[in-house]
C-alpha atoms as a PDB file:
ATOM      1  CA  UNK A   1     -43.999  15.802  82.346  1.00  0.00           C
ATOM      2  CA  UNK A   2     -46.774  14.365  84.518  1.00  0.00           C
ATOM      3  CA  UNK A   3     -48.268  17.822  85.049  1.00  0.00           C
ATOM      4  CA  UNK A   4     -48.514  18.246  81.277  1.00  0.00           C
ATOM      5  CA  UNK A   5     -50.366  14.949  80.920  1.00  0.00           C
ATOM      6  CA  UNK A   6     -52.739  15.825  83.758  1.00  0.00           C
ATOM      7  CA  UNK A   7     -53.357  19.205  82.145  1.00  0.00           C
ATOM      8  CA  UNK A   8     -54.146  17.664  78.771  1.00  0.00           C
ATOM      9  CA  UNK A   9     -56.477  15.129  80.383  1.00  0.00           C
ATOM     10  CA  UNK A  10     -58.267  17.890  82.290  1.00  0.00           C
ATOM     11  CA  UNK A  11     -58.617  20.079  79.200  1.00  0.00           C
ATOM     12  CA  UNK A  12     -59.844  17.105  77.177  1.00  0.00           C
ATOM     13  CA  UNK A  13     -62.447  16.235  79.806  1.00  0.00           C
ATOM     14  CA  UNK A  14     -63.693  19.820  79.934  1.00  0.00           C
ATOM     15  CA  UNK A  15     -63.898  20.019  76.133  1.00  0.00           C
ATOM     16  CA  UNK A  16     -65.788  16.703  75.990  1.00  0.00           C
ATOM     17  CA  UNK A  17     -68.235  17.854  78.680  1.00  0.00           C
ATOM     18  CA  UNK A  18     -68.871  21.194  76.981  1.00  0.00           C
ATOM     19  CA  UNK A  19     -69.330  19.502  73.594  1.00  0.00           C
ATOM     20  CA  UNK A  20     -71.836  17.043  75.071  1.00  0.00           C
ATOM     21  CA  UNK A  21     -73.813  19.867  76.669  1.00  0.00           C
ATOM     22  CA  UNK A  22     -73.807  21.874  73.445  1.00  0.00           C
ATOM     23  CA  UNK A  23     -75.054  18.893  71.461  1.00  0.00           C
ATOM     24  CA  UNK A  24     -77.793  18.263  74.010  1.00  0.00           C
ATOM     25  CA  UNK A  25     -78.850  21.915  73.852  1.00  0.00           C
ATOM     26  CA  UNK A  26     -78.809  21.895  70.045  1.00  0.00           C
ATOM     27  CA  UNK A  27     -80.934  18.734  69.937  1.00  0.00           C
ATOM     28  CA  UNK A  28     -83.490  20.253  72.324  1.00  0.00           C
ATOM     29  CA  UNK A  29     -83.564  23.508  70.324  1.00  0.00           C
ATOM     30  CA  UNK A  30     -84.239  21.646  67.082  1.00  0.00           C
ATOM     31  CA  UNK A  31     -87.021  19.648  68.724  1.00  0.00           C
ATOM     32  CA  UNK A  32     -88.655  22.805  70.081  1.00  0.00           C
ATOM     33  CA  UNK A  33     -88.347  24.486  66.688  1.00  0.00           C
ATOM     34  CA  UNK A  34     -90.096  21.536  65.057  1.00  0.00           C
ATOM     35  CA  UNK A  35     -92.890  21.663  67.631  1.00  0.00           C
ATOM     36  CA  UNK A  36     -93.344  25.421  67.120  1.00  0.00           C
ATOM     37  CA  UNK A  37     -93.589  24.975  63.354  1.00  0.00           C
ATOM     38  CA  UNK A  38     -96.102  22.170  63.764  1.00  0.00           C
ATOM     39  CA  UNK A  39     -98.270  24.254  66.083  1.00  0.00           C
ATOM     40  CA  UNK A  40     -98.115  27.293  63.773  1.00  0.00           C
ATOM     41  CA  UNK A  41     -99.115  25.242  60.737  1.00  0.00           C
ATOM     42  CA  UNK A  42    -102.043  23.694  62.616  1.00  0.00           C
ATOM     43  CA  UNK A  43    -100.747  20.140  62.375  1.00  0.00           C
ATOM     44  CA  UNK A  44    -101.647  17.779  65.164  1.00  0.00           C
ATOM     45  CA  UNK A  45     -98.651  17.011  67.326  1.00  0.00           C
ATOM     46  CA  UNK A  46     -98.311  13.402  68.455  1.00  0.00           C
ATOM     47  CA  UNK A  47     -98.172  13.049  72.243  1.00  0.00           C
ATOM     48  CA  UNK A  48     -94.976  10.975  71.982  1.00  0.00           C
ATOM     49  CA  UNK A  49     -93.027  14.146  71.223  1.00  0.00           C
ATOM     50  CA  UNK A  50     -94.103  15.652  74.527  1.00  0.00           C
ATOM     51  CA  UNK A  51     -93.689  12.465  76.509  1.00  0.00           C
ATOM     52  CA  UNK A  52     -90.092  12.071  75.417  1.00  0.00           C
ATOM     53  CA  UNK A  53     -89.194  15.535  76.693  1.00  0.00           C
ATOM     54  CA  UNK A  54     -91.051  15.117  79.992  1.00  0.00           C
ATOM     55  CA  UNK A  55     -89.863  11.605  80.797  1.00  0.00           C
ATOM     56  CA  UNK A  56     -87.491  11.617  83.742  1.00  0.00           C
ATOM     57  CA  UNK A  57     -84.580   9.196  83.765  1.00  0.00           C
ATOM     58  CA  UNK A  58     -85.004   6.117  85.890  1.00  0.00           C
ATOM     59  CA  UNK A  59     -83.528   6.353  89.358  1.00  0.00           C
ATOM     60  CA  UNK A  60     -80.185   4.593  89.435  1.00  0.00           C
ATOM     61  CA  UNK A  61     -80.250   3.755  85.743  1.00  0.00           C
ATOM     62  CA  UNK A  62     -76.540   4.287  85.154  1.00  0.00           C
ATOM     63  CA  UNK A  63     -75.281   3.731  88.698  1.00  0.00           C
ATOM     64  CA  UNK A  64     -74.121   0.180  88.060  1.00  0.00           C
ATOM     65  CA  UNK A  65     -72.112   1.034  84.972  1.00  0.00           C
ATOM     66  CA  UNK A  66     -70.595   4.217  86.386  1.00  0.00           C
ATOM     67  CA  UNK A  67     -69.824   2.528  89.707  1.00  0.00           C
ATOM     68  CA  UNK A  68     -68.042  -0.347  88.006  1.00  0.00           C
ATOM     69  CA  UNK A  69     -66.042   2.032  85.806  1.00  0.00           C
ATOM     70  CA  UNK A  70     -64.975   4.083  88.826  1.00  0.00           C
ATOM     71  CA  UNK A  71     -63.893   0.985  90.738  1.00  0.00           C
ATOM     72  CA  UNK A  72     -61.949  -0.228  87.698  1.00  0.00           C
ATOM     73  CA  UNK A  73     -60.329   3.216  87.434  1.00  0.00           C
ATOM     74  CA  UNK A  74     -59.332   3.070  91.098  1.00  0.00           C
ATOM     75  CA  UNK A  75     -57.800  -0.360  90.614  1.00  0.00           C
ATOM     76  CA  UNK A  76     -55.937   0.836  87.534  1.00  0.00           C
ATOM     77  CA  UNK A  77     -54.501   3.830  89.395  1.00  0.00           C
ATOM     78  CA  UNK A  78     -53.481   1.652  92.336  1.00  0.00           C
ATOM     79  CA  UNK A  79     -51.903  -0.913  90.009  1.00  0.00           C
ATOM     80  CA  UNK A  80     -49.979   1.823  88.236  1.00  0.00           C
ATOM     81  CA  UNK A  81     -48.587   3.012  91.554  1.00  0.00           C
ATOM     82  CA  UNK A  82     -47.553  -0.476  92.541  1.00  0.00           C
ATOM     83  CA  UNK A  83     -45.893  -1.115  89.195  1.00  0.00           C
ATOM     84  CA  UNK A  84     -44.172   2.277  89.167  1.00  0.00           C
ATOM     85  CA  UNK A  85     -42.673   1.714  92.604  1.00  0.00           C
ATOM     86  CA  UNK A  86     -40.539   4.211  94.421  1.00  0.00           C
ATOM     87  CA  UNK A  87     -42.074   7.018  96.437  1.00  0.00           C
ATOM     88  CA  UNK A  88     -45.147   7.276  94.200  1.00  0.00           C
ATOM     89  CA  UNK A  89     -46.839   4.187  95.659  1.00  0.00           C
ATOM     90  CA  UNK A  90     -48.444   6.011  98.562  1.00  0.00           C
ATOM     91  CA  UNK A  91     -49.624   8.969  96.465  1.00  0.00           C
ATOM     92  CA  UNK A  92     -51.234   6.808  93.787  1.00  0.00           C
ATOM     93  CA  UNK A  93     -52.939   4.643  96.392  1.00  0.00           C
ATOM     94  CA  UNK A  94     -54.295   7.794  98.024  1.00  0.00           C
ATOM     95  CA  UNK A  95     -55.503   9.109  94.673  1.00  0.00           C
ATOM     96  CA  UNK A  96     -57.187   5.800  93.880  1.00  0.00           C
ATOM     97  CA  UNK A  97     -59.308   6.011  97.036  1.00  0.00           C
ATOM     98  CA  UNK A  98     -61.517   8.779  95.618  1.00  0.00           C
ATOM     99  CA  UNK A  99     -62.914   6.887  92.589  1.00  0.00           C
ATOM    100  CA  UNK A 100     -63.041   3.702  94.671  1.00  0.00           C
ATOM    101  CA  UNK A 101     -65.257   5.230  97.349  1.00  0.00           C
ATOM    102  CA  UNK A 102     -67.475   7.038  94.830  1.00  0.00           C
ATOM    103  CA  UNK A 103     -67.924   3.773  92.883  1.00  0.00           C
ATOM    104  CA  UNK A 104     -68.801   1.879  96.047  1.00  0.00           C
ATOM    105  CA  UNK A 105     -71.270   4.617  97.025  1.00  0.00           C
ATOM    106  CA  UNK A 106     -72.986   4.353  93.621  1.00  0.00           C
ATOM    107  CA  UNK A 107     -73.282   0.582  93.936  1.00  0.00           C
ATOM    108  CA  UNK A 108     -74.703   0.938  97.456  1.00  0.00           C
ATOM    109  CA  UNK A 109     -77.194   3.505  96.179  1.00  0.00           C
ATOM    110  CA  UNK A 110     -78.270   1.106  93.453  1.00  0.00           C
ATOM    111  CA  UNK A 111     -78.806  -1.617  96.041  1.00  0.00           C
ATOM    112  CA  UNK A 112     -80.852   0.734  98.254  1.00  0.00           C
ATOM    113  CA  UNK A 113     -83.042   1.785  95.308  1.00  0.00           C
ATOM    114  CA  UNK A 114     -83.597  -1.875  94.398  1.00  0.00           C
ATOM    115  CA  UNK A 115     -84.593  -2.741  97.975  1.00  0.00           C
ATOM    116  CA  UNK A 116     -86.963   0.219  98.135  1.00  0.00           C
ATOM    117  CA  UNK A 117     -88.604  -0.904  94.904  1.00  0.00           C
ATOM    118  CA  UNK A 118     -89.163  -4.430  96.234  1.00  0.00           C
ATOM    119  CA  UNK A 119     -90.698  -3.288  99.522  1.00  0.00           C
END
Protein backbone atom coordinates (compact mmCIF):
# COMPACT_ATOMS: atom_id res chain seq x y z
CA UNK A 1 0.00 0.00 0.00
CA UNK A 2 2.72 2.48 0.95
CA UNK A 3 4.68 1.68 -2.21
CA UNK A 4 1.61 2.56 -4.28
CA UNK A 5 1.29 5.93 -2.55
CA UNK A 6 4.99 6.67 -3.00
CA UNK A 7 4.68 5.72 -6.67
CA UNK A 8 1.71 8.02 -7.21
CA UNK A 9 3.49 10.87 -5.44
CA UNK A 10 6.60 10.35 -7.57
CA UNK A 11 4.60 10.20 -10.81
CA UNK A 12 2.64 13.29 -9.80
CA UNK A 13 5.83 15.21 -9.03
CA UNK A 14 7.36 14.24 -12.37
CA UNK A 15 4.19 15.22 -14.25
CA UNK A 16 4.06 18.57 -12.43
CA UNK A 17 7.73 19.26 -13.20
CA UNK A 18 7.35 18.37 -16.88
CA UNK A 19 4.19 20.49 -17.17
CA UNK A 20 5.95 23.47 -15.59
CA UNK A 21 8.88 23.14 -17.98
CA UNK A 22 6.57 22.83 -20.98
CA UNK A 23 4.65 25.94 -19.95
CA UNK A 24 7.88 27.86 -19.47
CA UNK A 25 9.10 26.77 -22.91
CA UNK A 26 5.77 27.67 -24.52
CA UNK A 27 5.81 31.12 -22.90
CA UNK A 28 9.36 31.77 -24.14
CA UNK A 29 8.46 30.55 -27.65
CA UNK A 30 5.47 32.89 -27.83
CA UNK A 31 7.60 35.81 -26.66
CA UNK A 32 10.26 35.08 -29.28
CA UNK A 33 7.59 34.75 -31.97
CA UNK A 34 6.20 38.15 -31.03
CA UNK A 35 9.67 39.70 -31.17
CA UNK A 36 10.35 38.15 -34.59
CA UNK A 37 7.07 39.51 -35.96
CA UNK A 38 7.81 42.95 -34.56
CA UNK A 39 11.27 43.00 -36.13
CA UNK A 40 9.95 41.79 -39.50
CA UNK A 41 7.24 44.44 -39.58
CA UNK A 42 9.74 47.18 -38.73
CA UNK A 43 8.10 48.13 -35.44
CA UNK A 44 10.33 49.45 -32.71
CA UNK A 45 10.73 46.93 -29.93
CA UNK A 46 10.68 48.34 -26.41
CA UNK A 47 13.82 47.50 -24.43
CA UNK A 48 11.71 46.12 -21.57
CA UNK A 49 10.99 43.02 -23.64
CA UNK A 50 14.70 42.26 -23.86
CA UNK A 51 15.46 43.17 -20.28
CA UNK A 52 12.86 40.76 -18.96
CA UNK A 53 14.44 37.85 -20.82
CA UNK A 54 18.00 38.77 -19.82
CA UNK A 55 17.32 39.52 -16.17
CA UNK A 56 18.87 36.89 -13.93
CA UNK A 57 17.04 35.86 -10.78
CA UNK A 58 18.31 37.35 -7.56
CA UNK A 59 20.74 35.20 -5.65
CA UNK A 60 18.94 33.44 -2.83
CA UNK A 61 15.56 34.85 -3.78
CA UNK A 62 13.58 31.72 -2.93
CA UNK A 63 15.98 30.15 -0.44
CA UNK A 64 14.05 31.30 2.62
CA UNK A 65 10.72 29.97 1.42
CA UNK A 66 12.08 26.68 0.10
CA UNK A 67 14.22 26.17 3.21
CA UNK A 68 11.27 26.71 5.52
CA UNK A 69 9.08 24.35 3.48
CA UNK A 70 11.75 21.64 3.58
CA UNK A 71 12.18 21.99 7.33
CA UNK A 72 8.41 21.82 7.79
CA UNK A 73 8.33 18.72 5.58
CA UNK A 74 11.05 17.10 7.69
CA UNK A 75 9.13 17.85 10.87
CA UNK A 76 5.95 16.45 9.34
CA UNK A 77 7.68 13.22 8.33
CA UNK A 78 9.26 12.87 11.77
CA UNK A 79 5.93 13.56 13.48
CA UNK A 80 4.24 10.96 11.30
CA UNK A 81 6.82 8.39 12.35
CA UNK A 82 6.37 9.21 16.01
CA UNK A 83 2.59 9.04 15.76
CA UNK A 84 2.66 5.82 13.73
CA UNK A 85 4.87 4.08 16.28
CA UNK A 86 6.14 0.57 15.94
CA UNK A 87 9.25 -0.21 13.92
CA UNK A 88 8.69 2.66 11.49
CA UNK A 89 9.92 5.34 13.90
CA UNK A 90 13.58 4.94 13.03
CA UNK A 91 13.00 4.79 9.26
CA UNK A 92 10.83 7.91 9.18
CA UNK A 93 13.29 9.82 11.34
CA UNK A 94 16.07 8.80 8.96
CA UNK A 95 14.00 9.88 5.96
CA UNK A 96 13.22 13.22 7.58
CA UNK A 97 16.92 14.04 7.90
CA UNK A 98 17.32 14.66 4.16
CA UNK A 99 14.83 17.55 3.79
CA UNK A 100 15.90 18.87 7.20
CA UNK A 101 19.56 19.17 6.21
CA UNK A 102 18.77 20.59 2.76
CA UNK A 103 16.47 23.19 4.36
CA UNK A 104 19.12 24.16 6.89
CA UNK A 105 21.71 24.42 4.09
CA UNK A 106 19.43 26.77 2.13
CA UNK A 107 18.90 28.98 5.17
CA UNK A 108 22.65 29.07 5.82
CA UNK A 109 23.25 29.99 2.18
CA UNK A 110 20.75 32.82 2.49
CA UNK A 111 22.56 34.10 5.57
CA UNK A 112 25.94 33.93 3.80
CA UNK A 113 24.58 35.83 0.78
CA UNK A 114 23.12 38.49 3.10
CA UNK A 115 26.45 38.89 4.93
CA UNK A 116 28.33 39.15 1.65
CA UNK A 117 25.95 41.86 0.48
CA UNK A 118 26.48 43.90 3.66
CA UNK A 119 30.28 43.72 3.52
